[in-house]
N, C-alpha and C. Protein backbone atom coordinates (compact mmCIF):
# COMPACT_ATOMS: atom_id res chain seq x y z
N UNK A 1 -109.66 13.19 64.18
CA UNK A 1 -109.27 14.70 64.87
C UNK A 1 -107.62 14.45 64.19
N UNK A 2 -107.35 15.59 63.54
CA UNK A 2 -105.70 15.55 63.75
C UNK A 2 -105.48 16.89 62.96
N UNK A 3 -104.05 16.88 62.30
CA UNK A 3 -103.52 18.03 61.78
C UNK A 3 -103.09 17.92 60.58
N UNK A 4 -104.03 16.57 59.85
CA UNK A 4 -103.77 16.24 58.29
C UNK A 4 -104.18 17.32 57.22
N UNK A 5 -103.04 17.79 56.77
CA UNK A 5 -103.55 19.09 55.71
C UNK A 5 -103.80 18.35 54.28
N UNK A 6 -104.93 18.68 53.90
CA UNK A 6 -105.15 18.24 52.32
C UNK A 6 -105.16 19.17 51.17
N UNK A 7 -104.63 18.97 50.56
CA UNK A 7 -104.61 19.92 49.36
C UNK A 7 -106.19 20.63 49.05
N UNK A 8 -106.14 21.90 48.82
CA UNK A 8 -107.51 22.17 48.17
C UNK A 8 -106.76 22.89 46.81
N UNK A 9 -107.66 22.58 45.90
CA UNK A 9 -107.36 22.73 44.39
C UNK A 9 -108.06 24.42 44.40
N UNK A 10 -107.36 25.40 43.41
CA UNK A 10 -107.99 26.28 42.79
C UNK A 10 -108.83 25.96 42.00
N UNK A 11 -109.77 26.55 41.56
CA UNK A 11 -110.94 26.45 40.27
C UNK A 11 -111.67 27.65 40.15
N UNK A 12 -111.52 27.60 38.49
CA UNK A 12 -112.26 29.05 38.49
C UNK A 12 -113.68 29.17 38.65
N UNK A 13 -114.17 30.23 39.00
CA UNK A 13 -115.75 30.31 39.22
C UNK A 13 -116.50 29.83 38.01
N UNK A 14 -117.29 28.86 38.17
CA UNK A 14 -118.03 28.24 37.21
C UNK A 14 -117.22 27.97 35.95
N UNK A 15 -115.98 27.49 36.20
CA UNK A 15 -114.93 27.12 34.74
C UNK A 15 -115.28 27.78 33.51
N UNK A 16 -114.43 28.75 33.53
CA UNK A 16 -114.47 29.63 32.31
C UNK A 16 -115.28 30.48 32.25
N UNK A 17 -116.30 31.05 33.16
CA UNK A 17 -117.38 32.06 32.82
C UNK A 17 -116.72 33.34 33.30
N UNK A 18 -117.38 33.83 34.19
CA UNK A 18 -116.79 35.11 34.56
C UNK A 18 -115.47 34.82 35.83
N UNK A 19 -114.74 35.66 35.73
CA UNK A 19 -113.78 35.86 36.79
C UNK A 19 -114.69 36.22 38.12
N UNK A 20 -113.85 35.47 39.37
CA UNK A 20 -114.45 35.95 40.56
C UNK A 20 -114.28 37.24 40.92
N UNK A 21 -115.54 37.97 41.18
CA UNK A 21 -115.71 39.32 41.08
C UNK A 21 -115.19 39.69 42.68
N UNK A 22 -114.38 40.61 42.98
CA UNK A 22 -114.30 41.02 44.25
C UNK A 22 -115.34 41.66 44.78
N UNK A 23 -115.46 41.42 46.62
CA UNK A 23 -116.97 41.83 46.94
C UNK A 23 -116.88 43.21 46.83
N UNK A 24 -118.21 43.91 46.84
CA UNK A 24 -118.17 45.55 46.69
C UNK A 24 -117.81 45.90 47.96
N UNK A 25 -118.03 45.51 49.20
CA UNK A 25 -117.65 45.91 50.26
C UNK A 25 -117.38 44.70 51.39
N UNK A 26 -116.53 44.91 52.43
CA UNK A 26 -116.13 43.75 52.88
C UNK A 26 -116.77 44.00 54.48
N UNK A 27 -117.06 45.40 54.66
CA UNK A 27 -117.83 45.70 56.09
C UNK A 27 -116.89 46.42 57.28
N UNK A 28 -117.21 47.58 57.40
CA UNK A 28 -116.62 48.38 58.01
C UNK A 28 -115.93 47.46 59.35
N UNK A 29 -116.44 46.80 59.95
CA UNK A 29 -115.77 46.25 61.28
C UNK A 29 -114.67 45.33 60.69
N UNK A 30 -114.77 44.86 59.48
CA UNK A 30 -113.58 43.84 59.18
C UNK A 30 -112.65 44.78 58.51
N UNK A 31 -113.06 45.69 58.17
CA UNK A 31 -111.57 46.70 57.42
C UNK A 31 -110.97 47.27 58.90
N UNK A 32 -111.53 47.61 59.76
CA UNK A 32 -111.08 48.21 61.13
C UNK A 32 -110.02 47.14 61.76
N UNK A 33 -110.63 45.80 61.61
CA UNK A 33 -109.63 44.70 62.42
C UNK A 33 -108.65 44.38 61.35
N UNK A 34 -108.96 44.46 60.00
CA UNK A 34 -107.64 44.20 58.94
C UNK A 34 -106.77 45.47 59.46
N UNK A 35 -107.41 46.48 59.41
CA UNK A 35 -106.15 47.94 59.74
C UNK A 35 -105.31 47.67 60.92
N UNK A 36 -105.74 46.90 61.85
CA UNK A 36 -105.04 46.81 63.27
C UNK A 36 -103.81 45.28 62.61
N UNK A 37 -104.09 44.79 61.97
CA UNK A 37 -103.32 43.70 61.88
C UNK A 37 -102.10 44.03 60.64
N UNK A 38 -100.74 43.68 61.09
CA UNK A 38 -99.59 43.76 60.08
C UNK A 38 -99.85 42.58 59.11
N UNK A 39 -100.22 41.46 59.50
CA UNK A 39 -100.13 40.45 58.61
C UNK A 39 -100.86 39.27 59.35
N UNK A 40 -101.58 38.43 58.90
CA UNK A 40 -102.54 37.15 59.25
C UNK A 40 -103.76 36.94 58.58
N UNK A 41 -104.74 36.21 59.10
CA UNK A 41 -105.78 36.05 58.24
C UNK A 41 -107.11 36.14 59.45
N UNK A 42 -108.19 36.07 58.88
CA UNK A 42 -109.40 36.09 59.41
C UNK A 42 -110.60 35.34 58.65
N UNK A 43 -111.44 34.69 58.97
CA UNK A 43 -112.28 34.25 57.95
C UNK A 43 -113.59 35.12 58.58
N UNK A 44 -114.28 35.43 57.67
CA UNK A 44 -115.48 36.35 57.93
C UNK A 44 -116.74 36.13 56.99
N UNK A 45 -118.17 36.53 57.31
CA UNK A 45 -118.93 36.40 56.30
C UNK A 45 -118.80 37.79 55.41
N UNK A 46 -118.78 37.33 54.27
CA UNK A 46 -118.87 38.80 53.21
C UNK A 46 -120.18 38.37 51.93
N UNK A 47 -121.14 39.05 51.89
CA UNK A 47 -121.99 39.00 51.37
C UNK A 47 -122.56 37.65 51.30
N UNK A 48 -122.72 37.02 52.99
CA UNK A 48 -123.52 35.92 52.98
C UNK A 48 -122.59 34.50 52.83
N UNK A 49 -121.37 34.49 52.51
CA UNK A 49 -120.77 33.56 52.34
C UNK A 49 -119.37 33.42 53.21
N UNK A 50 -118.80 32.54 53.42
CA UNK A 50 -117.43 32.36 54.13
C UNK A 50 -116.50 32.87 53.53
N UNK A 51 -115.71 33.91 53.73
CA UNK A 51 -114.43 34.28 53.35
C UNK A 51 -113.04 34.08 54.23
N UNK A 52 -112.33 33.63 53.76
CA UNK A 52 -110.76 33.53 54.13
C UNK A 52 -110.15 35.18 53.69
N UNK A 53 -109.75 35.88 54.41
CA UNK A 53 -108.94 37.17 54.21
C UNK A 53 -107.30 37.10 54.57
N UNK A 54 -106.56 36.88 53.73
CA UNK A 54 -105.05 36.60 54.20
C UNK A 54 -104.30 38.13 54.14
N UNK A 55 -104.20 38.62 55.01
CA UNK A 55 -102.96 39.66 55.20
C UNK A 55 -101.82 39.85 55.14
N UNK A 56 -101.09 40.41 54.29
CA UNK A 56 -99.82 41.25 54.40
C UNK A 56 -99.63 41.82 53.68
N UNK A 57 -98.25 42.53 53.28
CA UNK A 57 -97.84 43.60 52.47
C UNK A 57 -96.47 43.14 51.45
N UNK A 58 -96.52 44.05 50.87
CA UNK A 58 -94.93 43.96 50.14
C UNK A 58 -94.90 42.99 49.20
N UNK A 59 -93.35 42.23 49.36
CA UNK A 59 -93.07 41.07 48.94
C UNK A 59 -93.56 39.89 49.03
N UNK A 60 -94.18 39.71 50.25
CA UNK A 60 -95.08 38.52 51.29
C UNK A 60 -96.24 38.66 50.34
N UNK A 61 -96.83 39.91 49.58
CA UNK A 61 -98.27 39.75 49.45
C UNK A 61 -97.95 39.34 47.81
N UNK A 62 -96.65 39.73 47.26
CA UNK A 62 -96.37 39.36 45.85
C UNK A 62 -96.45 37.89 45.58
N UNK A 63 -95.57 37.34 46.60
CA UNK A 63 -95.78 35.81 46.75
C UNK A 63 -97.00 35.07 46.96
N UNK A 64 -97.56 35.64 47.83
CA UNK A 64 -99.06 35.08 48.06
C UNK A 64 -100.02 35.10 47.02
N UNK A 65 -99.98 36.08 46.51
CA UNK A 65 -100.75 36.48 45.32
C UNK A 65 -100.45 35.44 44.12
N UNK A 66 -99.36 34.85 44.00
CA UNK A 66 -98.87 33.95 43.28
C UNK A 66 -98.74 32.38 43.51
N UNK A 67 -99.66 32.17 44.60
CA UNK A 67 -99.42 30.99 45.20
C UNK A 67 -99.86 29.81 44.06
N UNK A 68 -99.57 28.53 44.24
CA UNK A 68 -100.09 27.64 43.26
C UNK A 68 -100.80 26.34 44.41
N UNK A 69 -100.75 26.41 45.42
CA UNK A 69 -101.18 25.55 46.36
C UNK A 69 -101.44 26.07 47.81
N UNK A 70 -102.71 25.61 48.40
CA UNK A 70 -102.75 26.07 49.73
C UNK A 70 -103.49 24.80 50.12
N UNK A 71 -103.16 24.70 51.41
CA UNK A 71 -103.57 23.58 52.22
C UNK A 71 -104.47 23.98 53.34
N UNK A 72 -105.40 23.39 53.84
CA UNK A 72 -106.32 23.50 55.18
C UNK A 72 -106.49 22.38 55.87
N UNK A 73 -106.23 22.26 57.18
CA UNK A 73 -106.58 21.49 58.12
C UNK A 73 -107.35 21.86 59.39
N UNK A 74 -107.74 21.25 59.94
CA UNK A 74 -108.87 21.60 61.22
C UNK A 74 -108.26 20.72 62.45
N UNK A 75 -108.21 21.44 63.48
CA UNK A 75 -107.76 20.78 64.91
C UNK A 75 -108.86 21.35 66.08
N UNK A 76 -109.59 20.40 66.59
CA UNK A 76 -110.26 20.70 67.86
C UNK A 76 -109.40 20.95 69.33
N UNK A 77 -109.49 22.21 69.73
CA UNK A 77 -108.96 22.52 70.73
C UNK A 77 -109.85 22.67 71.89
N UNK A 78 -110.19 21.38 72.73
CA UNK A 78 -111.14 21.56 73.78
C UNK A 78 -110.49 22.08 74.91
N UNK A 79 -110.58 23.50 75.06
CA UNK A 79 -110.29 23.68 76.35
C UNK A 79 -111.17 24.71 77.36
N UNK A 80 -111.18 24.40 78.48
CA UNK A 80 -112.49 24.84 79.26
C UNK A 80 -112.44 26.81 79.20
N UNK A 81 -111.10 27.28 78.88
CA UNK A 81 -111.08 28.44 78.89
C UNK A 81 -111.29 29.13 77.29
N UNK A 82 -110.86 28.13 76.53
CA UNK A 82 -111.05 28.65 74.76
C UNK A 82 -111.44 27.58 74.51
N UNK A 83 -112.75 26.78 74.06
CA UNK A 83 -113.00 25.85 73.54
C UNK A 83 -112.72 26.47 71.52
N UNK A 84 -112.19 25.91 70.71
CA UNK A 84 -112.00 26.22 69.51
C UNK A 84 -111.76 25.59 68.49
N UNK A 85 -111.87 25.43 67.29
CA UNK A 85 -111.43 24.55 66.20
C UNK A 85 -110.55 25.65 65.52
N UNK A 86 -109.35 25.13 65.53
CA UNK A 86 -108.14 25.64 64.75
C UNK A 86 -108.07 25.37 62.93
N UNK A 87 -108.12 26.40 62.33
CA UNK A 87 -108.16 26.01 60.83
C UNK A 87 -106.30 26.39 60.53
N UNK A 88 -105.52 25.73 59.95
CA UNK A 88 -103.96 25.82 59.99
C UNK A 88 -104.11 26.26 58.25
N UNK A 89 -103.81 26.75 57.64
CA UNK A 89 -103.89 27.36 56.23
C UNK A 89 -102.35 27.54 56.24
N UNK A 90 -101.96 26.80 55.04
CA UNK A 90 -100.47 26.42 54.66
C UNK A 90 -100.63 27.14 52.96
N UNK A 91 -99.63 28.07 52.44
CA UNK A 91 -99.83 28.39 51.21
C UNK A 91 -98.61 28.38 50.81
N UNK A 92 -98.48 27.56 49.88
CA UNK A 92 -96.93 27.24 48.80
C UNK A 92 -97.22 28.01 47.83
N UNK A 93 -95.74 28.98 47.36
CA UNK A 93 -95.98 29.90 46.37
C UNK A 93 -95.04 29.35 45.27
N UNK A 94 -94.91 29.83 44.13
CA UNK A 94 -94.29 29.29 42.76
C UNK A 94 -92.81 29.49 43.14
N UNK A 95 -92.54 30.55 43.75
CA UNK A 95 -90.84 30.64 43.98
C UNK A 95 -90.61 29.96 45.17
N UNK A 96 -91.37 28.85 46.08
CA UNK A 96 -91.01 27.85 46.82
C UNK A 96 -91.17 28.59 48.43
N UNK A 97 -91.64 29.47 48.54
CA UNK A 97 -91.96 30.38 49.75
C UNK A 97 -93.00 29.31 50.24
N UNK A 98 -93.31 29.39 52.07
CA UNK A 98 -94.52 28.68 52.38
C UNK A 98 -94.78 29.70 53.30
N UNK A 99 -95.71 29.97 53.40
CA UNK A 99 -96.74 30.83 54.49
C UNK A 99 -97.65 30.20 55.67
N UNK A 100 -97.67 30.13 56.59
CA UNK A 100 -98.45 29.42 57.36
C UNK A 100 -99.24 30.34 58.13
N UNK A 101 -100.56 30.32 58.23
CA UNK A 101 -101.60 30.99 59.00
C UNK A 101 -102.41 30.12 59.91
N UNK A 102 -102.85 30.49 60.87
CA UNK A 102 -103.88 29.75 61.73
C UNK A 102 -104.72 30.73 62.50
N UNK A 103 -105.93 30.16 62.17
CA UNK A 103 -107.06 31.01 62.49
C UNK A 103 -107.66 29.94 63.84
N UNK A 104 -108.44 30.91 64.83
CA UNK A 104 -109.04 30.09 65.89
C UNK A 104 -110.31 30.13 66.01
N UNK A 105 -111.35 29.51 65.63
CA UNK A 105 -112.76 29.71 65.44
C UNK A 105 -113.27 29.26 67.04
N UNK A 106 -113.88 30.33 67.50
CA UNK A 106 -114.25 30.21 68.84
C UNK A 106 -115.72 29.59 69.15
N UNK A 107 -115.59 28.46 69.84
CA UNK A 107 -117.00 27.42 70.04
C UNK A 107 -117.85 28.12 70.88
N UNK A 108 -117.43 29.14 71.33
CA UNK A 108 -118.57 30.05 72.03
C UNK A 108 -119.40 31.01 71.28
N UNK A 109 -118.96 31.46 70.33
CA UNK A 109 -119.40 32.15 69.10
C UNK A 109 -120.38 31.72 68.34
N UNK A 110 -121.67 32.30 68.20
CA UNK A 110 -122.60 31.71 67.25
C UNK A 110 -122.20 32.05 65.94
N UNK A 111 -121.46 33.23 65.92
CA UNK A 111 -121.30 33.71 64.38
C UNK A 111 -120.18 32.60 63.63
N UNK A 112 -119.08 32.17 64.81
CA UNK A 112 -117.99 31.66 64.04
C UNK A 112 -118.40 29.99 63.90
N UNK A 113 -119.63 29.67 64.69
CA UNK A 113 -119.95 28.36 64.29
C UNK A 113 -120.86 28.25 63.03
N UNK A 114 -121.59 29.51 63.00
CA UNK A 114 -122.49 29.41 61.63
C UNK A 114 -121.12 29.50 60.22
N UNK A 115 -120.24 29.98 60.60
CA UNK A 115 -118.93 29.81 59.63
C UNK A 115 -118.51 28.39 59.55
N UNK A 116 -118.35 28.10 60.41
CA UNK A 116 -117.83 26.36 60.54
C UNK A 116 -119.25 25.31 59.83
N UNK A 117 -120.20 25.77 60.01
CA UNK A 117 -121.14 24.94 59.50
C UNK A 117 -121.37 25.12 57.93
N UNK A 118 -121.20 26.54 57.49
CA UNK A 118 -120.98 26.75 56.02
C UNK A 118 -119.98 26.08 55.45
N UNK A 119 -118.57 26.02 55.85
CA UNK A 119 -117.43 25.61 55.56
C UNK A 119 -117.93 23.98 55.37
N UNK A 120 -118.26 23.58 56.39
CA UNK A 120 -118.58 21.95 56.40
C UNK A 120 -119.52 21.63 54.90
N UNK A 121 -120.59 22.71 54.78
CA UNK A 121 -121.56 22.05 53.84
C UNK A 121 -121.43 22.54 52.74
N UNK A 122 -120.49 23.48 52.08
CA UNK A 122 -119.92 23.71 51.09
C UNK A 122 -118.95 23.27 50.34
N UNK A 123 -118.68 23.34 49.07
CA UNK A 123 -117.71 22.65 48.25
C UNK A 123 -116.59 23.38 48.19
N UNK A 124 -116.48 24.67 48.54
CA UNK A 124 -115.85 25.92 48.24
C UNK A 124 -115.90 26.91 49.32
N UNK A 125 -114.86 27.71 48.84
CA UNK A 125 -114.73 28.91 50.18
C UNK A 125 -114.06 29.97 49.05
N UNK A 126 -114.47 31.34 49.40
CA UNK A 126 -113.27 32.80 48.65
C UNK A 126 -111.93 33.08 49.59
N UNK A 127 -111.12 33.13 48.82
CA UNK A 127 -109.96 33.74 49.75
C UNK A 127 -109.92 35.17 49.00
N UNK A 128 -109.56 36.22 49.71
CA UNK A 128 -109.46 37.41 49.59
C UNK A 128 -107.78 37.46 50.03
N UNK A 129 -107.03 38.11 49.05
CA UNK A 129 -105.62 38.57 49.49
C UNK A 129 -105.50 40.15 49.35
N UNK A 130 -105.29 40.47 50.70
CA UNK A 130 -105.18 41.98 51.07
C UNK A 130 -104.20 42.47 51.59
N UNK A 131 -104.20 44.09 51.23
CA UNK A 131 -103.09 44.66 51.86
C UNK A 131 -104.01 45.73 52.31
N UNK A 132 -103.57 47.05 51.51
CA UNK A 132 -104.54 48.29 52.02
C UNK A 132 -106.14 48.14 51.21
N UNK A 133 -106.01 47.22 50.48
CA UNK A 133 -107.20 47.01 49.60
C UNK A 133 -107.09 45.17 49.13
N UNK A 134 -108.46 45.38 48.64
CA UNK A 134 -108.14 43.67 48.05
C UNK A 134 -107.25 43.60 46.86
N UNK A 135 -106.36 42.62 46.84
CA UNK A 135 -105.58 42.70 45.93
C UNK A 135 -105.40 41.54 44.72
N UNK A 136 -106.47 40.22 45.42
CA UNK A 136 -106.76 39.23 44.52
C UNK A 136 -107.80 38.61 45.18
N UNK A 137 -108.77 37.89 44.41
CA UNK A 137 -109.79 37.00 44.88
C UNK A 137 -109.45 35.95 44.09
N UNK A 138 -109.89 34.44 44.75
CA UNK A 138 -109.68 33.28 44.56
C UNK A 138 -110.71 32.40 45.21
N UNK A 139 -111.11 31.34 44.42
CA UNK A 139 -112.01 30.26 45.09
C UNK A 139 -111.37 29.06 45.07
N UNK A 140 -111.46 28.57 46.28
CA UNK A 140 -110.89 27.31 46.67
C UNK A 140 -111.72 26.12 46.89
N UNK A 141 -111.54 25.23 46.51
CA UNK A 141 -112.58 23.96 46.55
C UNK A 141 -111.82 23.33 48.17
N UNK A 142 -112.93 22.66 48.62
CA UNK A 142 -112.80 21.95 49.95
C UNK A 142 -113.16 20.60 49.55
N UNK A 143 -112.52 19.40 49.75
CA UNK A 143 -112.75 18.03 49.53
C UNK A 143 -113.45 17.37 50.36
N UNK A 144 -113.79 16.53 50.39
CA UNK A 144 -114.59 15.67 51.11
C UNK A 144 -114.47 15.37 52.50
N UNK A 145 -113.13 14.96 52.22
CA UNK A 145 -112.39 14.50 53.45
C UNK A 145 -112.17 15.67 54.43
N UNK A 146 -111.85 16.87 53.81
CA UNK A 146 -111.75 17.98 54.83
C UNK A 146 -113.60 18.20 55.11
N UNK A 147 -114.52 18.17 54.51
CA UNK A 147 -115.65 18.51 55.14
C UNK A 147 -116.08 17.25 55.94
N UNK A 148 -116.01 16.61 55.75
CA UNK A 148 -116.11 15.20 56.89
C UNK A 148 -115.43 15.50 58.24
N UNK A 149 -114.11 15.72 57.99
CA UNK A 149 -113.10 16.04 59.18
C UNK A 149 -113.85 17.23 59.99
N UNK A 150 -114.37 18.04 59.36
CA UNK A 150 -114.72 19.28 59.74
C UNK A 150 -116.00 18.83 60.59
N UNK A 151 -117.05 18.09 60.00
CA UNK A 151 -118.35 17.78 60.40
C UNK A 151 -118.13 17.10 61.71
N UNK A 152 -117.03 16.19 61.80
CA UNK A 152 -116.79 15.39 62.78
C UNK A 152 -116.41 15.85 64.13
N UNK A 153 -115.30 17.12 64.05
CA UNK A 153 -115.22 17.97 64.81
C UNK A 153 -116.33 18.52 65.41
N UNK A 154 -116.98 18.98 64.76
CA UNK A 154 -118.45 20.04 65.00
C UNK A 154 -119.24 18.96 65.96
N UNK A 155 -119.14 17.49 65.45
CA UNK A 155 -120.35 16.56 66.30
C UNK A 155 -119.61 16.30 67.17
N UNK A 156 -118.36 16.44 67.60
CA UNK A 156 -117.90 15.92 69.03
C UNK A 156 -118.01 16.83 70.03
N UNK A 157 -118.39 17.97 69.32
CA UNK A 157 -118.86 19.27 70.57
C UNK A 157 -120.37 19.81 70.39
N UNK A 158 -121.12 18.77 70.03
CA UNK A 158 -122.29 18.85 69.87
C UNK A 158 -123.08 19.98 68.95
N UNK A 159 -122.38 20.33 67.70
CA UNK A 159 -122.62 21.07 67.16
C UNK A 159 -123.22 20.82 65.82
């Protein structure tokens, strides 16, 4: 268990074939949630897959879209009032800026436990950069070490 951040390498969808397409719809509930946020992140299901949505605007969005590295780490917060797994997302941009986002997966939510299970079992997840609409879509690879760490955290909670 720890906060060790491991690099995620961006890789094109199916290596050189089609670009990753923006989903046709991200869902009304997600759009409403995003409309209430100035900036931040959420993990949601989009078309049956786990997707990280990063939201910000203006110059921050411009810098985020040009990011060259993203790191992801997981940590178990086993508190009686809110047991969760924290995902810490750190984005390093080409201009040297760094953005940090934290997302708390509730271990009392079946949907969020399902999202964590999919992240554990997949080699990748998609990232949507969102302002008033989807600005960019990227695919990020999860390392074996990251999936193993997440699996260990879930197993320690009996998931």
